[in-house]
Amino acid sequence: MSAGKERAVGLDNPNTQAKGSYIKITRKDLNAVYWRLQIFGLGITVTSSNAQAIGFITALAPVLKKVYKDAGKAARVEAMQRHLAYFLSQNTATGMILGITAAIEETTDVDEKEAVVAVKAGMMGPLAGIGDSVFKITIQAIAGSIGAAYALQGNLIGPILMFLIYNGINIGVKYFGTIMGYEKGIEFVQSGEQAKVIQKIINISTMVGVIVLGALIGNYVKINVGTEIVINETVVNIQALLDGILPKLLPLLFTIGLYKLHSRMPRKYLILLIFGILIVGTLLAMAGILV
């Protein structure tokens, strides 16, 4: 391989170099890190003592092998043990943490390796928040609503489109996060602006998620009361009365109630809750209370 290909990705500017040669980690190594994260994820082995650390070190292994290739077995073992420290984050966002960790491993001296653990500990919480806000709430809701719109029309492209949208964004962010984490990671961490940037991303993602979920509730949670009350000769339509107070009031109250109930209910009862809703809804519809 030529010397140009051996240079680390995006770090050719000598003014950005700290300690280290910047000639060990290549795009091929970072691709190997990404594919391990993509295939195995962080849940390959989860323990009570170090959570997802084994999944993290499994993805980082190609970098450690390259960085410590000539350092001897003891140095490699020490590096592996260092990354067995407790780690817990969101799978997609971990791509950036892996890239930053690779850059710091390559550019620090032996007596500076504790910085690797410190950076991981500092980034895993905020990036987990971003990952959950963006992917578990916003992207899933948007992809699901687009797919559901087609599926409700009997179009098979609905679930396929949902799968492609969500996974396309997920895979792209994970891959480019790994690359950019390596290229810009040290500069980002040293800038002191990471807390502000992360908080802005969380706030924007939360706003988008709330808007999307509100639209989903209004369009896809349907509760219509079919009961009418006759007072003297006046017929009062309960559903029209509720719509006059606030359109989609019952779907909103129903969703909020389920959210509160689910937050307090053990997860093992979730299936029973779903079947309970189906049974009660069917009985109310058969009685003409709901239409």
C-alpha atoms as a PDB file:
ATOM      1  CA  MET A   1       0.000   0.000   0.000  1.00  0.00           C
ATOM      2  CA  SER A   2       1.251   3.455  -0.875  1.00  0.00           C
ATOM      3  CA  ALA A   3       2.260   5.982   1.755  1.00  0.00           C
ATOM      4  CA  GLY A   4      -0.632   8.223   0.750  1.00  0.00           C
ATOM      5  CA  LYS A   5      -3.174   5.489   1.429  1.00  0.00           C
ATOM      6  CA  GLU A   6      -1.554   4.696   4.747  1.00  0.00           C
ATOM      7  CA  ARG A   7      -2.076   8.207   6.082  1.00  0.00           C
ATOM      8  CA  ALA A   8      -4.942   8.570   8.507  1.00  0.00           C
ATOM      9  CA  VAL A   9      -8.205   9.847   7.140  1.00  0.00           C
ATOM     10  CA  GLY A  10      -8.616  13.607   7.222  1.00  0.00           C
ATOM     11  CA  LEU A  11      -5.576  14.329   9.383  1.00  0.00           C
ATOM     12  CA  ASP A  12      -3.058  15.457   6.792  1.00  0.00           C
ATOM     13  CA  ASN A  13      -2.805  18.964   8.167  1.00  0.00           C
ATOM     14  CA  PRO A  14       0.329  19.037  10.352  1.00  0.00           C
ATOM     15  CA  ASN A  15      -1.075  21.934  12.366  1.00  0.00           C
ATOM     16  CA  THR A  16      -3.797  19.655  13.789  1.00  0.00           C
ATOM     17  CA  GLN A  17      -1.374  16.971  14.907  1.00  0.00           C
ATOM     18  CA  ALA A  18      -0.774  16.418  18.590  1.00  0.00           C
ATOM     19  CA  LYS A  19       1.291  13.437  19.747  1.00  0.00           C
ATOM     20  CA  GLY A  20       1.566  10.351  17.596  1.00  0.00           C
ATOM     21  CA  SER A  21       2.389   9.699  13.984  1.00  0.00           C
ATOM     22  CA  TYR A  22      -1.105   9.842  12.417  1.00  0.00           C
ATOM     23  CA  ILE A  23      -0.020   7.146   9.975  1.00  0.00           C
ATOM     24  CA  LYS A  24      -1.385   4.022  11.629  1.00  0.00           C
ATOM     25  CA  ILE A  25      -5.162   4.114  11.326  1.00  0.00           C
ATOM     26  CA  THR A  26      -6.532   4.044   7.784  1.00  0.00           C
ATOM     27  CA  ARG A  27      -9.997   4.222   6.230  1.00  0.00           C
ATOM     28  CA  LYS A  28      -9.860   0.428   5.938  1.00  0.00           C
ATOM     29  CA  ASP A  29      -9.420   0.150   9.725  1.00  0.00           C
ATOM     30  CA  LEU A  30     -12.314   2.542  10.352  1.00  0.00           C
ATOM     31  CA  ASN A  31     -14.491   0.581   7.927  1.00  0.00           C
ATOM     32  CA  ALA A  32     -13.711  -2.555   9.926  1.00  0.00           C
ATOM     33  CA  VAL A  33     -14.779  -0.752  13.102  1.00  0.00           C
ATOM     34  CA  TYR A  34     -18.042   0.319  11.471  1.00  0.00           C
ATOM     35  CA  TRP A  35     -18.875  -3.156  10.153  1.00  0.00           C
ATOM     36  CA  ARG A  36     -18.269  -4.730  13.544  1.00  0.00           C
ATOM     37  CA  LEU A  37     -20.568  -2.185  15.160  1.00  0.00           C
ATOM     38  CA  GLN A  38     -23.175  -2.688  12.433  1.00  0.00           C
ATOM     39  CA  ILE A  39     -23.122  -6.491  12.553  1.00  0.00           C
ATOM     40  CA  PHE A  40     -22.627  -7.182  16.253  1.00  0.00           C
ATOM     41  CA  GLY A  41     -23.938  -3.968  17.822  1.00  0.00           C
ATOM     42  CA  LEU A  42     -23.367  -3.147  21.467  1.00  0.00           C
ATOM     43  CA  GLY A  43     -25.618  -5.899  22.753  1.00  0.00           C
ATOM     44  CA  ILE A  44     -23.390  -8.787  21.692  1.00  0.00           C
ATOM     45  CA  THR A  45     -22.713  -9.311  25.417  1.00  0.00           C
ATOM     46  CA  VAL A  46     -24.166  -7.142  28.160  1.00  0.00           C
ATOM     47  CA  THR A  47     -23.098  -7.641  31.773  1.00  0.00           C
ATOM     48  CA  SER A  48     -24.104  -6.005  35.025  1.00  0.00           C
ATOM     49  CA  SER A  49     -20.526  -4.916  35.773  1.00  0.00           C
ATOM     50  CA  ASN A  50     -19.480  -3.250  32.508  1.00  0.00           C
ATOM     51  CA  ALA A  51     -22.759  -3.093  30.499  1.00  0.00           C
ATOM     52  CA  GLN A  52     -21.899  -2.807  26.758  1.00  0.00           C
ATOM     53  CA  ALA A  53     -18.115  -2.656  27.131  1.00  0.00           C
ATOM     54  CA  ILE A  54     -17.538  -6.006  25.409  1.00  0.00           C
ATOM     55  CA  GLY A  55     -19.553  -4.887  22.376  1.00  0.00           C
ATOM     56  CA  PHE A  56     -17.579  -1.625  22.306  1.00  0.00           C
ATOM     57  CA  ILE A  57     -14.193  -3.342  22.455  1.00  0.00           C
ATOM     58  CA  THR A  58     -15.284  -5.858  19.819  1.00  0.00           C
ATOM     59  CA  ALA A  59     -15.885  -2.973  17.403  1.00  0.00           C
ATOM     60  CA  LEU A  60     -12.678  -1.159  18.415  1.00  0.00           C
ATOM     61  CA  ALA A  61     -10.458  -4.252  18.109  1.00  0.00           C
ATOM     62  CA  PRO A  62      -9.128  -3.477  14.557  1.00  0.00           C
ATOM     63  CA  VAL A  63      -7.884  -0.074  15.769  1.00  0.00           C
ATOM     64  CA  LEU A  64      -6.186  -1.484  18.856  1.00  0.00           C
ATOM     65  CA  LYS A  65      -4.565  -4.198  16.766  1.00  0.00           C
ATOM     66  CA  LYS A  66      -3.161  -1.582  14.382  1.00  0.00           C
ATOM     67  CA  VAL A  67      -2.086   0.986  16.989  1.00  0.00           C
ATOM     68  CA  TYR A  68      -0.382  -1.564  19.221  1.00  0.00           C
ATOM     69  CA  LYS A  69       0.951  -3.769  16.447  1.00  0.00           C
ATOM     70  CA  ASP A  70       4.594  -3.216  17.435  1.00  0.00           C
ATOM     71  CA  ALA A  71       4.035  -2.495  21.122  1.00  0.00           C
ATOM     72  CA  GLY A  72       4.154  -6.031  22.467  1.00  0.00           C
ATOM     73  CA  LYS A  73       1.553  -8.287  24.017  1.00  0.00           C
ATOM     74  CA  ALA A  74       1.553  -6.547  27.422  1.00  0.00           C
ATOM     75  CA  ALA A  75       0.611  -3.183  25.880  1.00  0.00           C
ATOM     76  CA  ARG A  76      -2.172  -4.751  23.835  1.00  0.00           C
ATOM     77  CA  VAL A  77      -3.568  -6.547  26.888  1.00  0.00           C
ATOM     78  CA  GLU A  78      -3.471  -3.314  28.879  1.00  0.00           C
ATOM     79  CA  ALA A  79      -5.328  -1.489  26.114  1.00  0.00           C
ATOM     80  CA  MET A  80      -8.004  -4.185  25.976  1.00  0.00           C
ATOM     81  CA  GLN A  81      -8.434  -4.077  29.739  1.00  0.00           C
ATOM     82  CA  ARG A  82      -8.713  -0.293  29.655  1.00  0.00           C
ATOM     83  CA  HIS A  83     -11.707  -0.520  27.328  1.00  0.00           C
ATOM     84  CA  LEU A  84     -13.467  -3.044  29.545  1.00  0.00           C
ATOM     85  CA  ALA A  85     -14.483  -0.145  31.787  1.00  0.00           C
ATOM     86  CA  TYR A  86     -18.209   0.452  32.131  1.00  0.00           C
ATOM     87  CA  PHE A  87     -19.809   1.677  28.894  1.00  0.00           C
ATOM     88  CA  LEU A  88     -23.472   2.279  28.123  1.00  0.00           C
ATOM     89  CA  SER A  89     -24.746   4.329  25.198  1.00  0.00           C
ATOM     90  CA  GLN A  90     -27.016   4.267  22.149  1.00  0.00           C
ATOM     91  CA  ASN A  91     -25.950   1.991  19.303  1.00  0.00           C
ATOM     92  CA  THR A  92     -26.061   4.467  16.405  1.00  0.00           C
ATOM     93  CA  ALA A  93     -24.424   7.325  18.311  1.00  0.00           C
ATOM     94  CA  THR A  94     -21.608   5.012  19.413  1.00  0.00           C
ATOM     95  CA  GLY A  95     -20.089   5.260  15.926  1.00  0.00           C
ATOM     96  CA  MET A  96     -18.862   8.766  16.774  1.00  0.00           C
ATOM     97  CA  ILE A  97     -17.541   7.636  20.165  1.00  0.00           C
ATOM     98  CA  LEU A  98     -15.591   4.852  18.466  1.00  0.00           C
ATOM     99  CA  GLY A  99     -14.070   7.325  16.005  1.00  0.00           C
ATOM    100  CA  ILE A 100     -13.059   9.743  18.771  1.00  0.00           C
ATOM    101  CA  THR A 101     -11.625   6.897  20.846  1.00  0.00           C
ATOM    102  CA  ALA A 102      -9.587   5.671  17.870  1.00  0.00           C
ATOM    103  CA  ALA A 103      -8.128   9.154  17.335  1.00  0.00           C
ATOM    104  CA  ILE A 104      -7.168   9.565  20.987  1.00  0.00           C
ATOM    105  CA  GLU A 105      -5.677   6.061  21.200  1.00  0.00           C
ATOM    106  CA  GLU A 106      -3.478   6.871  18.236  1.00  0.00           C
ATOM    107  CA  THR A 107      -2.373  10.329  19.329  1.00  0.00           C
ATOM    108  CA  THR A 108      -1.627   9.925  23.037  1.00  0.00           C
ATOM    109  CA  ASP A 109       1.454   8.669  24.840  1.00  0.00           C
ATOM    110  CA  VAL A 110       1.403   5.804  27.317  1.00  0.00           C
ATOM    111  CA  ASP A 111       1.005   8.083  30.344  1.00  0.00           C
ATOM    112  CA  GLU A 112      -1.950   9.886  28.707  1.00  0.00           C
ATOM    113  CA  LYS A 113      -4.162   6.873  28.023  1.00  0.00           C
ATOM    114  CA  GLU A 114      -6.514   7.693  30.895  1.00  0.00           C
ATOM    115  CA  ALA A 115      -7.834  10.450  28.622  1.00  0.00           C
ATOM    116  CA  VAL A 116      -9.416   7.733  26.484  1.00  0.00           C
ATOM    117  CA  VAL A 117     -11.507   6.458  29.386  1.00  0.00           C
ATOM    118  CA  ALA A 118     -12.419  10.006  30.442  1.00  0.00           C
ATOM    119  CA  VAL A 119     -13.605  10.980  26.953  1.00  0.00           C
ATOM    120  CA  LYS A 120     -15.680   7.806  26.602  1.00  0.00           C
ATOM    121  CA  ALA A 121     -17.309   8.403  29.986  1.00  0.00           C
ATOM    122  CA  GLY A 122     -18.013  12.029  29.112  1.00  0.00           C
ATOM    123  CA  MET A 123     -19.503  11.331  25.684  1.00  0.00           C
ATOM    124  CA  MET A 124     -21.525   8.169  26.206  1.00  0.00           C
ATOM    125  CA  GLY A 125     -24.306   9.856  28.226  1.00  0.00           C
ATOM    126  CA  PRO A 126     -24.930  12.948  26.051  1.00  0.00           C
ATOM    127  CA  LEU A 127     -24.687  10.978  22.795  1.00  0.00           C
ATOM    128  CA  ALA A 128     -27.047   8.347  24.198  1.00  0.00           C
ATOM    129  CA  GLY A 129     -29.515  11.181  24.788  1.00  0.00           C
ATOM    130  CA  ILE A 130     -29.110  12.356  21.207  1.00  0.00           C
ATOM    131  CA  GLY A 131     -29.452   8.816  19.867  1.00  0.00           C
ATOM    132  CA  ASP A 132     -32.628   8.124  21.831  1.00  0.00           C
ATOM    133  CA  SER A 133     -34.187  11.494  20.944  1.00  0.00           C
ATOM    134  CA  VAL A 134     -33.329  11.329  17.253  1.00  0.00           C
ATOM    135  CA  PHE A 135     -33.639   7.626  16.440  1.00  0.00           C
ATOM    136  CA  LYS A 136     -35.938   6.133  19.063  1.00  0.00           C
ATOM    137  CA  ILE A 137     -38.450   8.979  18.897  1.00  0.00           C
ATOM    138  CA  THR A 138     -38.064  11.226  15.870  1.00  0.00           C
ATOM    139  CA  ILE A 139     -36.791   9.017  13.031  1.00  0.00           C
ATOM    140  CA  GLN A 140     -38.835   5.978  14.026  1.00  0.00           C
ATOM    141  CA  ALA A 141     -41.990   8.073  14.273  1.00  0.00           C
ATOM    142  CA  ILE A 142     -41.420   9.778  10.922  1.00  0.00           C
ATOM    143  CA  ALA A 143     -40.507   6.546   9.110  1.00  0.00           C
ATOM    144  CA  GLY A 144     -43.422   4.735  10.771  1.00  0.00           C
ATOM    145  CA  SER A 145     -45.949   7.431   9.850  1.00  0.00           C
ATOM    146  CA  ILE A 146     -44.820   7.445   6.218  1.00  0.00           C
ATOM    147  CA  GLY A 147     -44.968   3.658   6.043  1.00  0.00           C
ATOM    148  CA  ALA A 148     -48.328   3.547   7.854  1.00  0.00           C
ATOM    149  CA  ALA A 149     -49.865   6.015   5.398  1.00  0.00           C
ATOM    150  CA  TYR A 150     -49.150   3.585   2.539  1.00  0.00           C
ATOM    151  CA  ALA A 151     -49.992   0.467   4.573  1.00  0.00           C
ATOM    152  CA  LEU A 152     -53.453   1.810   5.501  1.00  0.00           C
ATOM    153  CA  GLN A 153     -54.172   2.009   1.765  1.00  0.00           C
ATOM    154  CA  GLY A 154     -53.225  -1.668   1.399  1.00  0.00           C
ATOM    155  CA  ASN A 155     -49.943  -0.832  -0.325  1.00  0.00           C
ATOM    156  CA  LEU A 156     -47.112  -3.287   0.378  1.00  0.00           C
ATOM    157  CA  ILE A 157     -44.560  -0.530  -0.114  1.00  0.00           C
ATOM    158  CA  GLY A 158     -45.533   0.867   3.321  1.00  0.00           C
ATOM    159  CA  PRO A 159     -43.483  -1.461   5.575  1.00  0.00           C
ATOM    160  CA  ILE A 160     -40.711  -1.640   2.969  1.00  0.00           C
ATOM    161  CA  LEU A 161     -40.477   2.159   2.846  1.00  0.00           C
ATOM    162  CA  MET A 162     -40.402   2.382   6.649  1.00  0.00           C
ATOM    163  CA  PHE A 163     -37.555  -0.145   6.751  1.00  0.00           C
ATOM    164  CA  LEU A 164     -35.572   1.669   4.067  1.00  0.00           C
ATOM    165  CA  ILE A 165     -36.008   5.153   5.554  1.00  0.00           C
ATOM    166  CA  TYR A 166     -35.120   4.201   9.115  1.00  0.00           C
ATOM    167  CA  ASN A 167     -32.240   1.886   8.331  1.00  0.00           C
ATOM    168  CA  GLY A 168     -30.866   4.130   5.591  1.00  0.00           C
ATOM    169  CA  ILE A 169     -30.559   7.037   8.023  1.00  0.00           C
ATOM    170  CA  ASN A 170     -29.381   4.778  10.836  1.00  0.00           C
ATOM    171  CA  ILE A 171     -26.629   3.141   8.771  1.00  0.00           C
ATOM    172  CA  GLY A 172     -25.501   6.442   7.235  1.00  0.00           C
ATOM    173  CA  VAL A 173     -25.222   8.222  10.582  1.00  0.00           C
ATOM    174  CA  LYS A 174     -23.392   5.289  12.133  1.00  0.00           C
ATOM    175  CA  TYR A 175     -20.854   5.072   9.295  1.00  0.00           C
ATOM    176  CA  PHE A 176     -20.149   8.772   8.814  1.00  0.00           C
ATOM    177  CA  GLY A 177     -20.220   9.246  12.586  1.00  0.00           C
ATOM    178  CA  THR A 178     -17.327   6.811  12.874  1.00  0.00           C
ATOM    179  CA  ILE A 179     -15.345   8.567  10.149  1.00  0.00           C
ATOM    180  CA  MET A 180     -16.082  12.098  11.333  1.00  0.00           C
ATOM    181  CA  GLY A 181     -15.509  11.122  14.946  1.00  0.00           C
ATOM    182  CA  TYR A 182     -11.981  10.130  13.984  1.00  0.00           C
ATOM    183  CA  GLU A 183     -11.347  13.129  11.765  1.00  0.00           C
ATOM    184  CA  LYS A 184     -12.854  15.858  13.938  1.00  0.00           C
ATOM    185  CA  GLY A 185     -13.139  14.171  17.307  1.00  0.00           C
ATOM    186  CA  ILE A 186     -10.161  15.649  19.106  1.00  0.00           C
ATOM    187  CA  GLU A 187     -10.866  19.129  17.758  1.00  0.00           C
ATOM    188  CA  PHE A 188     -14.502  18.850  18.906  1.00  0.00           C
ATOM    189  CA  VAL A 189     -13.641  17.639  22.399  1.00  0.00           C
ATOM    190  CA  GLN A 190     -10.945  20.262  22.919  1.00  0.00           C
ATOM    191  CA  SER A 191     -13.179  23.103  21.702  1.00  0.00           C
ATOM    192  CA  GLY A 192     -15.279  23.054  24.866  1.00  0.00           C
ATOM    193  CA  GLU A 193     -18.431  23.583  22.786  1.00  0.00           C
ATOM    194  CA  GLN A 194     -19.618  19.971  22.775  1.00  0.00           C
ATOM    195  CA  ALA A 195     -22.075  20.445  25.660  1.00  0.00           C
ATOM    196  CA  LYS A 196     -23.831  23.355  23.903  1.00  0.00           C
ATOM    197  CA  VAL A 197     -23.976  21.557  20.554  1.00  0.00           C
ATOM    198  CA  ILE A 198     -25.294  18.356  22.101  1.00  0.00           C
ATOM    199  CA  GLN A 199     -27.980  20.207  24.065  1.00  0.00           C
ATOM    200  CA  LYS A 200     -29.127  22.044  20.923  1.00  0.00           C
ATOM    201  CA  ILE A 201     -29.417  18.761  19.013  1.00  0.00           C
ATOM    202  CA  ILE A 202     -31.407  17.185  21.866  1.00  0.00           C
ATOM    203  CA  ASN A 203     -33.771  20.177  22.065  1.00  0.00           C
ATOM    204  CA  ILE A 204     -34.389  20.282  18.293  1.00  0.00           C
ATOM    205  CA  SER A 205     -34.900  16.507  18.116  1.00  0.00           C
ATOM    206  CA  THR A 206     -37.338  16.601  21.037  1.00  0.00           C
ATOM    207  CA  MET A 207     -39.350  19.374  19.370  1.00  0.00           C
ATOM    208  CA  VAL A 208     -39.546  17.494  16.081  1.00  0.00           C
ATOM    209  CA  GLY A 209     -40.469  14.283  17.889  1.00  0.00           C
ATOM    210  CA  VAL A 210     -43.299  15.971  19.807  1.00  0.00           C
ATOM    211  CA  ILE A 211     -44.689  17.520  16.605  1.00  0.00           C
ATOM    212  CA  VAL A 212     -44.580  14.204  14.739  1.00  0.00           C
ATOM    213  CA  LEU A 213     -46.155  12.263  17.608  1.00  0.00           C
ATOM    214  CA  GLY A 214     -48.895  14.876  17.895  1.00  0.00           C
ATOM    215  CA  ALA A 215     -49.675  14.478  14.200  1.00  0.00           C
ATOM    216  CA  LEU A 216     -49.689  10.691  14.544  1.00  0.00           C
ATOM    217  CA  ILE A 217     -52.137  10.830  17.461  1.00  0.00           C
ATOM    218  CA  GLY A 218     -54.514  13.073  15.521  1.00  0.00           C
ATOM    219  CA  ASN A 219     -54.430  10.984  12.347  1.00  0.00           C
ATOM    220  CA  TYR A 220     -54.154   7.368  13.512  1.00  0.00           C
ATOM    221  CA  VAL A 221     -55.701   7.143  17.001  1.00  0.00           C
ATOM    222  CA  LYS A 222     -59.429   7.106  16.259  1.00  0.00           C
ATOM    223  CA  ILE A 223     -62.016   7.136  19.051  1.00  0.00           C
ATOM    224  CA  ASN A 224     -65.523   8.219  18.085  1.00  0.00           C
ATOM    225  CA  VAL A 225     -68.442   8.086  20.521  1.00  0.00           C
ATOM    226  CA  GLY A 226     -71.653   6.881  18.901  1.00  0.00           C
ATOM    227  CA  THR A 227     -73.920   7.551  21.884  1.00  0.00           C
ATOM    228  CA  GLU A 228     -76.500  10.331  21.737  1.00  0.00           C
ATOM    229  CA  ILE A 229     -78.437  11.861  24.623  1.00  0.00           C
ATOM    230  CA  VAL A 230     -82.052  12.984  24.137  1.00  0.00           C
ATOM    231  CA  ILE A 231     -83.150  15.876  26.350  1.00  0.00           C
ATOM    232  CA  ASN A 232     -86.825  16.637  25.776  1.00  0.00           C
ATOM    233  CA  GLU A 233     -86.831  16.918  21.984  1.00  0.00           C
ATOM    234  CA  THR A 234     -83.193  17.909  21.706  1.00  0.00           C
ATOM    235  CA  VAL A 235     -80.671  15.288  20.595  1.00  0.00           C
ATOM    236  CA  VAL A 236     -77.173  15.856  21.919  1.00  0.00           C
ATOM    237  CA  ASN A 237     -74.410  14.149  19.955  1.00  0.00           C
ATOM    238  CA  ILE A 238     -71.638  13.498  22.475  1.00  0.00           C
ATOM    239  CA  GLN A 239     -68.934  13.251  19.829  1.00  0.00           C
ATOM    240  CA  ALA A 240     -69.924  16.609  18.307  1.00  0.00           C
ATOM    241  CA  LEU A 241     -69.946  18.110  21.801  1.00  0.00           C
ATOM    242  CA  LEU A 242     -66.420  16.834  22.500  1.00  0.00           C
ATOM    243  CA  ASP A 243     -65.195  18.085  19.114  1.00  0.00           C
ATOM    244  CA  GLY A 244     -66.600  21.491  19.966  1.00  0.00           C
ATOM    245  CA  ILE A 245     -64.513  21.547  23.156  1.00  0.00           C
ATOM    246  CA  LEU A 246     -61.328  20.280  21.494  1.00  0.00           C
ATOM    247  CA  PRO A 247     -61.024  18.241  18.274  1.00  0.00           C
ATOM    248  CA  LYS A 248     -59.384  14.851  18.840  1.00  0.00           C
ATOM    249  CA  LEU A 249     -59.782  15.236  22.610  1.00  0.00           C
ATOM    250  CA  LEU A 250     -60.469  11.553  23.290  1.00  0.00           C
ATOM    251  CA  PRO A 251     -57.460  10.268  21.252  1.00  0.00           C
ATOM    252  CA  LEU A 252     -55.242  12.741  23.134  1.00  0.00           C
ATOM    253  CA  LEU A 253     -56.539  11.703  26.564  1.00  0.00           C
ATOM    254  CA  PHE A 254     -56.342   8.025  25.619  1.00  0.00           C
ATOM    255  CA  THR A 255     -52.719   8.336  24.464  1.00  0.00           C
ATOM    256  CA  ILE A 256     -51.668  10.301  27.558  1.00  0.00           C
ATOM    257  CA  GLY A 257     -53.397   7.732  29.779  1.00  0.00           C
ATOM    258  CA  LEU A 258     -51.633   4.842  28.057  1.00  0.00           C
ATOM    259  CA  TYR A 259     -48.297   6.649  28.363  1.00  0.00           C
ATOM    260  CA  LYS A 260     -48.786   7.158  32.105  1.00  0.00           C
ATOM    261  CA  LEU A 261     -49.960   3.584  32.563  1.00  0.00           C
ATOM    262  CA  HIS A 262     -47.076   2.140  30.555  1.00  0.00           C
ATOM    263  CA  SER A 263     -44.510   4.147  32.528  1.00  0.00           C
ATOM    264  CA  ARG A 264     -45.776   2.573  35.757  1.00  0.00           C
ATOM    265  CA  MET A 265     -46.576  -0.904  34.483  1.00  0.00           C
ATOM    266  CA  PRO A 266     -43.901  -3.643  34.338  1.00  0.00           C
ATOM    267  CA  ARG A 267     -42.902  -4.431  30.755  1.00  0.00           C
ATOM    268  CA  LYS A 268     -43.983  -8.062  31.117  1.00  0.00           C
ATOM    269  CA  TYR A 269     -47.622  -6.896  31.216  1.00  0.00           C
ATOM    270  CA  LEU A 270     -47.392  -4.896  27.980  1.00  0.00           C
ATOM    271  CA  ILE A 271     -48.853  -7.708  25.819  1.00  0.00           C
ATOM    272  CA  LEU A 272     -51.750  -8.076  28.243  1.00  0.00           C
ATOM    273  CA  LEU A 273     -52.377  -4.329  27.981  1.00  0.00           C
ATOM    274  CA  ILE A 274     -52.534  -4.527  24.170  1.00  0.00           C
ATOM    275  CA  PHE A 275     -54.979  -7.442  24.229  1.00  0.00           C
ATOM    276  CA  GLY A 276     -57.015  -5.665  26.894  1.00  0.00           C
ATOM    277  CA  ILE A 277     -57.376  -2.598  24.654  1.00  0.00           C
ATOM    278  CA  LEU A 278     -58.455  -4.794  21.720  1.00  0.00           C
ATOM    279  CA  ILE A 279     -61.067  -6.638  23.792  1.00  0.00           C
ATOM    280  CA  VAL A 280     -62.520  -3.551  25.477  1.00  0.00           C
ATOM    281  CA  GLY A 281     -62.593  -1.627  22.183  1.00  0.00           C
ATOM    282  CA  THR A 282     -64.387  -4.496  20.447  1.00  0.00           C
ATOM    283  CA  LEU A 283     -66.994  -4.793  23.209  1.00  0.00           C
ATOM    284  CA  LEU A 284     -67.668  -1.034  23.212  1.00  0.00           C
ATOM    285  CA  ALA A 285     -68.029  -1.057  19.433  1.00  0.00           C
ATOM    286  CA  MET A 286     -70.444  -4.018  19.572  1.00  0.00           C
ATOM    287  CA  ALA A 287     -72.516  -2.144  22.177  1.00  0.00           C
ATOM    288  CA  GLY A 288     -72.650   0.909  19.905  1.00  0.00           C
ATOM    289  CA  ILE A 289     -70.858   3.130  22.407  1.00  0.00           C
ATOM    290  CA  LEU A 290     -67.929   3.578  20.010  1.00  0.00           C
ATOM    291  CA  VAL A 291     -68.257   3.739  16.242  1.00  0.00           C
END
